[in-house]
Amino acid sequence: MKNKSLVSINDFSRDEMIQILDIAEDFERQPHQNLLQGRVIASLFFEPSTRTRLSFESAIHQLGGTVIGFSSTAGTSVQKGESLKDTITMVASYSDLIVMRNPIDGSARYASEVSKVPIINAGDGANQHPTQCMLDLYSIRKTQGTLENLEVTFVGDLKYGRTVHSLVTALSKFNTKFNLVSPVELKLPSAYKRYIKEAKLEYNQYTELNEVIPQSDIIYMTRVQRERFPDPIEYEKVKNSYLLKNSMLEKAKQNCRILHPLPRVNEISTDVDDNPMAYYFQQAQNGVYVRQALIAAILGLK
């Protein structure tokens, strides 16, 4: 994996994914390791982020590295019209690795083609979010003890949800049964169903969440993303499609865990937070260990 960009979760094989999860376990046991002393990591966030940006920065600082970059394009040459190519070329000359979030689908792939240092995609539009996918896999394995033979239920915005797109792709490499719960307007795109079909795995589509709670090992909730909708009227139609309440989990399996890439808006009631099945805050914390593992592996330090 040394010097290999991570743009799509497909850039990693099944074995490489497992290798990253194993390295992340080591970092969870000992997060403070002085591996990045003398290294500079660029953090370029062209659109808002809280957990992803801060967990990357925390990961870098705990490994003794230096972070440069920006958390919005305000005050940068991007506002003056500088091209993505020029921004990446310039920043690559200042750093050993670039972490980038950009609202344009495919921007991370383009950046990896023009950069002389590895690129880690921290989200490109509605396309992919591979580092979130890796921390989701870590969270699933940590709570279930395995990634094999699980029934995983995805709920909400399956059309624009880049976290869903990456995780469905990754779980198709394991023996997963998929439940896809969404409004008709927000169904999982055919391109991602194709991964499931090619792996000869089963998926079922639903519009009602209650139907699938009793058999789910993982319930992966997502918010309906206002910023991805080209038509605000369409957003208003579906924005409150699902609300998971604590009372709905009475018939859930004991091992069931609730995941959410966050931020939460109104799709999980706060009364779920104290339920042992709620795992979304621990899930976010796992992001530090997984991002430490990814940086260390890509720089050839682990």
Protein backbone atom coordinates (compact mmCIF):
# COMPACT_ATOMS: atom_id res chain seq x y z
CA MET A 1 0.00 0.00 0.00
CA LYS A 2 3.04 2.30 0.22
CA ASN A 3 2.57 5.51 -1.81
CA LYS A 4 -0.85 4.26 -2.99
CA SER A 5 -3.68 6.80 -3.10
CA LEU A 6 -7.03 5.91 -1.55
CA VAL A 7 -9.69 7.44 -3.81
CA SER A 8 -12.32 4.69 -3.91
CA ILE A 9 -12.77 1.78 -1.56
CA ASN A 10 -12.15 -0.36 -4.66
CA ASP A 11 -8.53 0.82 -4.57
CA PHE A 12 -8.04 -1.64 -1.69
CA SER A 13 -8.42 -5.39 -1.97
CA ARG A 14 -10.28 -7.39 0.65
CA ASP A 15 -6.96 -8.43 2.22
CA GLU A 16 -5.71 -4.84 2.27
CA MET A 17 -8.88 -3.72 4.05
CA ILE A 18 -8.36 -6.37 6.72
CA GLN A 19 -4.72 -5.35 7.04
CA ILE A 20 -5.77 -1.73 7.72
CA LEU A 21 -8.29 -2.88 10.34
CA ASP A 22 -5.58 -4.90 12.08
CA ILE A 23 -3.22 -1.90 12.12
CA ALA A 24 -6.05 0.26 13.48
CA GLU A 25 -6.47 -2.19 16.37
CA ASP A 26 -2.83 -1.60 17.23
CA PHE A 27 -3.39 2.16 17.22
CA GLU A 28 -6.46 1.81 19.43
CA ARG A 29 -4.27 0.07 21.99
CA GLN A 30 -1.52 2.68 21.61
CA PRO A 31 -2.65 5.82 19.70
CA HIS A 32 0.42 7.91 20.61
CA GLN A 33 3.25 6.68 18.37
CA ASN A 34 5.86 9.09 17.07
CA LEU A 35 5.78 7.79 13.50
CA LEU A 36 5.17 11.06 11.65
CA GLN A 37 7.95 13.17 13.15
CA GLY A 38 9.29 15.37 10.37
CA ARG A 39 6.33 14.58 8.09
CA VAL A 40 3.85 17.15 6.79
CA ILE A 41 0.26 16.15 5.96
CA ALA A 42 -1.93 18.56 3.98
CA SER A 43 -5.62 18.76 4.91
CA LEU A 44 -7.62 20.38 2.09
CA PHE A 45 -11.33 20.68 2.85
CA PHE A 46 -13.20 22.47 0.08
CA GLU A 47 -16.53 21.88 1.86
CA PRO A 48 -17.57 21.71 5.54
CA SER A 49 -16.56 18.83 7.79
CA THR A 50 -16.33 18.24 11.52
CA ARG A 51 -15.63 14.59 12.33
CA THR A 52 -13.59 13.71 9.25
CA ARG A 53 -11.35 16.77 9.36
CA LEU A 54 -10.83 16.77 13.12
CA SER A 55 -10.26 13.02 13.35
CA PHE A 56 -7.61 13.25 10.61
CA GLU A 57 -5.93 16.14 12.42
CA SER A 58 -6.11 14.30 15.75
CA ALA A 59 -4.63 11.19 14.11
CA ILE A 60 -1.74 13.21 12.65
CA HIS A 61 -0.97 15.08 15.88
CA GLN A 62 -1.02 11.87 17.95
CA LEU A 63 1.55 10.43 15.55
CA GLY A 64 3.80 13.47 15.87
CA GLY A 65 3.14 14.95 12.42
CA THR A 66 2.46 18.49 11.22
CA VAL A 67 -0.80 19.55 9.55
CA ILE A 68 -1.13 22.32 6.96
CA GLY A 69 -4.15 23.26 4.85
CA PHE A 70 -7.58 24.84 5.07
CA SER A 71 -11.05 23.99 6.35
CA SER A 72 -12.87 26.16 3.79
CA THR A 73 -11.91 27.92 0.59
CA ALA A 74 -12.46 31.35 2.16
CA GLY A 75 -9.22 33.30 2.07
CA THR A 76 -7.50 30.88 -0.32
CA SER A 77 -6.50 31.20 -3.98
CA VAL A 78 -9.41 28.89 -4.85
CA GLN A 79 -11.67 31.93 -4.38
CA LYS A 80 -9.53 33.75 -6.93
CA GLY A 81 -10.24 31.04 -9.46
CA GLU A 82 -7.18 28.81 -9.02
CA SER A 83 -7.75 25.41 -10.65
CA LEU A 84 -7.79 22.18 -8.67
CA LYS A 85 -4.74 21.02 -10.65
CA ASP A 86 -2.72 24.06 -9.63
CA THR A 87 -3.81 23.84 -5.98
CA ILE A 88 -2.88 20.15 -5.75
CA THR A 89 0.43 20.62 -7.59
CA MET A 90 1.41 23.44 -5.26
CA VAL A 91 0.36 21.71 -2.02
CA ALA A 92 2.03 18.43 -3.06
CA SER A 93 5.34 20.29 -3.10
CA TYR A 94 4.80 21.26 0.55
CA SER A 95 3.67 17.90 1.94
CA ASP A 96 4.16 14.13 2.12
CA LEU A 97 0.46 13.25 1.71
CA ILE A 98 -2.77 15.13 0.94
CA VAL A 99 -6.15 14.51 2.57
CA MET A 100 -8.86 16.15 0.44
CA ARG A 101 -12.61 16.71 0.59
CA ASN A 102 -14.25 18.31 -2.42
CA PRO A 103 -17.93 18.69 -3.42
CA ILE A 104 -17.33 17.55 -7.02
CA ASP A 105 -17.75 13.86 -7.89
CA GLY A 106 -14.50 12.49 -9.31
CA SER A 107 -12.33 15.33 -7.99
CA ALA A 108 -10.27 13.01 -5.79
CA ARG A 109 -9.43 10.71 -8.71
CA TYR A 110 -8.33 13.70 -10.76
CA ALA A 111 -6.23 14.99 -7.85
CA SER A 112 -4.49 11.61 -7.54
CA GLU A 113 -3.56 11.78 -11.23
CA VAL A 114 -1.87 15.20 -10.98
CA SER A 115 -0.31 14.88 -7.50
CA LYS A 116 3.24 13.66 -6.88
CA VAL A 117 2.25 12.57 -3.34
CA PRO A 118 -0.54 10.16 -2.33
CA ILE A 119 -4.12 11.45 -2.05
CA ILE A 120 -6.62 10.25 0.56
CA ASN A 121 -10.19 10.99 -0.48
CA ALA A 122 -12.11 12.43 2.48
CA GLY A 123 -15.30 12.62 0.40
CA ASP A 124 -15.92 13.70 -3.18
CA GLY A 125 -19.48 14.91 -3.68
CA ALA A 126 -22.04 12.11 -3.63
CA ASN A 127 -19.49 9.66 -4.98
CA GLN A 128 -17.26 7.98 -2.36
CA HIS A 129 -16.05 8.31 1.23
CA PRO A 130 -13.54 5.46 1.61
CA THR A 131 -12.03 6.42 4.98
CA GLN A 132 -15.52 6.56 6.53
CA CYS A 133 -16.08 3.16 4.99
CA MET A 134 -12.96 1.80 6.67
CA LEU A 135 -13.99 3.08 10.09
CA ASP A 136 -17.47 1.64 9.48
CA LEU A 137 -15.91 -1.76 8.72
CA TYR A 138 -13.79 -1.42 11.86
CA SER A 139 -16.89 -0.62 13.92
CA ILE A 140 -18.82 -3.55 12.46
CA ARG A 141 -15.99 -6.00 13.10
CA LYS A 142 -15.43 -4.65 16.61
CA THR A 143 -19.10 -5.01 17.60
CA GLN A 144 -19.89 -8.25 15.77
CA GLY A 145 -16.52 -10.02 15.98
CA THR A 146 -16.58 -10.63 12.23
CA LEU A 147 -17.40 -9.08 8.86
CA GLU A 148 -18.78 -12.33 7.46
CA ASN A 149 -22.38 -13.57 7.25
CA LEU A 150 -24.02 -10.42 8.62
CA GLU A 151 -27.36 -8.85 7.74
CA VAL A 152 -26.85 -5.11 7.28
CA THR A 153 -29.72 -2.64 6.93
CA PHE A 154 -29.09 0.73 5.25
CA VAL A 155 -31.68 3.43 5.95
CA GLY A 156 -32.40 6.84 4.44
CA ASP A 157 -30.53 8.59 1.67
CA LEU A 158 -29.14 5.71 -0.37
CA LYS A 159 -29.07 7.71 -3.60
CA TYR A 160 -26.75 10.56 -2.59
CA GLY A 161 -25.15 8.96 0.48
CA ARG A 162 -21.47 8.53 -0.36
CA THR A 163 -20.88 6.67 2.90
CA VAL A 164 -23.51 4.13 1.86
CA HIS A 165 -21.99 3.78 -1.62
CA SER A 166 -18.54 2.99 -0.23
CA LEU A 167 -19.78 0.62 2.48
CA VAL A 168 -22.06 -1.37 0.17
CA THR A 169 -19.12 -1.78 -2.21
CA ALA A 170 -16.83 -2.98 0.58
CA LEU A 171 -19.34 -5.33 2.23
CA SER A 172 -19.94 -6.96 -1.14
CA LYS A 173 -16.50 -8.53 -0.64
CA PHE A 174 -17.88 -10.33 2.40
CA ASN A 175 -20.88 -12.63 2.67
CA THR A 176 -23.36 -9.86 3.51
CA LYS A 177 -27.14 -9.81 3.20
CA PHE A 178 -28.36 -6.28 2.42
CA ASN A 179 -31.62 -4.59 3.41
CA LEU A 180 -32.08 -1.28 1.56
CA VAL A 181 -34.65 0.98 3.24
CA SER A 182 -35.43 4.28 1.54
CA PRO A 183 -38.12 6.37 -0.12
CA VAL A 184 -38.57 5.42 -3.75
CA GLU A 185 -36.89 8.69 -4.74
CA LEU A 186 -33.72 7.82 -2.78
CA LYS A 187 -33.10 4.20 -3.80
CA LEU A 188 -29.55 2.89 -4.04
CA PRO A 189 -28.19 3.60 -7.55
CA SER A 190 -27.94 0.63 -9.92
CA ALA A 191 -24.14 0.92 -10.10
CA TYR A 192 -23.88 -0.12 -6.44
CA LYS A 193 -26.52 -2.83 -6.67
CA ARG A 194 -24.32 -4.28 -9.40
CA TYR A 195 -21.54 -4.94 -6.86
CA ILE A 196 -23.99 -6.96 -4.78
CA LYS A 197 -25.25 -8.90 -7.80
CA GLU A 198 -21.74 -9.64 -9.11
CA ALA A 199 -20.84 -11.06 -5.71
CA LYS A 200 -23.96 -13.27 -5.92
CA LEU A 201 -25.29 -11.81 -2.67
CA GLU A 202 -28.87 -11.06 -1.65
CA TYR A 203 -30.48 -7.65 -1.28
CA ASN A 204 -34.06 -6.57 -0.63
CA GLN A 205 -35.56 -3.10 -0.96
CA TYR A 206 -38.07 -1.68 1.53
CA THR A 207 -39.83 1.57 2.27
CA GLU A 208 -40.68 0.66 5.90
CA LEU A 209 -37.94 0.36 8.53
CA ASN A 210 -39.93 -1.65 11.09
CA GLU A 211 -40.08 -4.62 8.73
CA VAL A 212 -36.36 -5.34 8.94
CA ILE A 213 -35.28 -4.34 12.46
CA PRO A 214 -35.79 -7.85 14.02
CA GLN A 215 -33.34 -9.58 11.67
CA SER A 216 -30.66 -6.86 11.39
CA ASP A 217 -27.17 -7.22 12.85
CA ILE A 218 -26.30 -3.66 11.85
CA ILE A 219 -28.72 -0.77 11.24
CA TYR A 220 -26.89 1.97 9.34
CA MET A 221 -28.91 5.18 9.57
CA THR A 222 -28.21 8.18 7.33
CA ARG A 223 -29.53 11.72 7.14
CA VAL A 224 -31.28 13.00 4.03
CA GLN A 225 -28.70 15.45 2.72
CA ARG A 226 -30.20 18.80 1.81
CA GLU A 227 -26.96 19.93 0.13
CA ARG A 228 -27.05 17.10 -2.44
CA PHE A 229 -30.54 17.85 -3.80
CA PRO A 230 -30.66 19.88 -7.02
CA ASP A 231 -34.34 20.66 -6.31
CA PRO A 232 -35.26 21.92 -2.77
CA ILE A 233 -38.88 20.81 -3.30
CA GLU A 234 -37.74 17.21 -3.72
CA TYR A 235 -35.77 17.48 -0.47
CA GLU A 236 -38.84 18.72 1.41
CA LYS A 237 -40.81 15.66 0.24
CA VAL A 238 -38.41 13.15 1.78
CA LYS A 239 -36.49 14.97 4.55
CA ASN A 240 -38.36 13.30 7.44
CA SER A 241 -38.83 9.86 5.93
CA TYR A 242 -37.45 7.88 8.87
CA LEU A 243 -37.08 8.34 12.61
CA LEU A 244 -35.57 5.52 14.67
CA LYS A 245 -37.00 5.53 18.20
CA ASN A 246 -35.91 3.48 21.19
CA SER A 247 -39.30 1.72 21.33
CA MET A 248 -38.72 0.38 17.81
CA LEU A 249 -35.70 -1.62 19.04
CA GLU A 250 -37.66 -3.85 21.45
CA LYS A 251 -37.61 -6.75 18.99
CA ALA A 252 -34.06 -6.15 17.75
CA LYS A 253 -31.40 -8.85 18.10
CA GLN A 254 -29.21 -8.54 21.19
CA ASN A 255 -26.09 -8.11 19.06
CA CYS A 256 -27.69 -5.42 16.86
CA ARG A 257 -25.80 -2.12 16.72
CA ILE A 258 -26.93 1.24 15.36
CA LEU A 259 -24.41 3.07 13.21
CA HIS A 260 -24.59 6.55 11.66
CA PRO A 261 -21.85 8.47 9.80
CA LEU A 262 -23.08 11.67 11.49
CA PRO A 263 -24.06 14.47 11.70
CA ARG A 264 -27.44 13.36 12.97
CA VAL A 265 -30.34 15.69 12.23
CA ASN A 266 -33.67 14.08 13.11
CA GLU A 267 -33.38 10.47 11.94
CA ILE A 268 -32.38 8.97 15.32
CA SER A 269 -34.29 10.03 18.41
CA THR A 270 -32.12 11.06 21.36
CA ASP A 271 -33.86 8.38 23.43
CA VAL A 272 -31.80 5.82 21.48
CA ASP A 273 -28.52 7.29 22.76
CA ASP A 274 -28.64 5.42 26.08
CA ASN A 275 -29.53 2.10 24.47
CA PRO A 276 -26.54 -0.32 24.45
CA MET A 277 -27.24 -0.84 20.75
CA ALA A 278 -26.34 2.78 19.95
CA TYR A 279 -22.77 2.81 18.67
CA TYR A 280 -22.53 5.96 16.52
CA PHE A 281 -20.42 8.05 18.91
CA GLN A 282 -17.93 5.21 19.45
CA GLN A 283 -18.00 4.74 15.67
CA ALA A 284 -16.83 8.35 15.22
CA GLN A 285 -14.04 7.82 17.77
CA ASN A 286 -12.86 4.78 15.80
CA GLY A 287 -12.16 7.18 12.95
CA VAL A 288 -8.96 8.36 14.62
CA TYR A 289 -7.44 4.86 14.82
CA VAL A 290 -8.45 3.93 11.27
CA ARG A 291 -7.10 7.18 9.83
CA GLN A 292 -3.85 6.68 11.73
CA ALA A 293 -3.65 3.23 10.15
CA LEU A 294 -4.32 4.53 6.64
CA ILE A 295 -1.73 7.30 6.87
CA ALA A 296 0.89 4.98 8.36
CA ALA A 297 0.28 2.26 5.74
CA ILE A 298 0.29 4.65 2.77
CA LEU A 299 3.53 6.29 3.96
CA GLY A 300 5.10 2.86 4.45
CA LEU A 301 5.47 3.30 8.21
CA LYS A 302 3.43 0.21 9.19
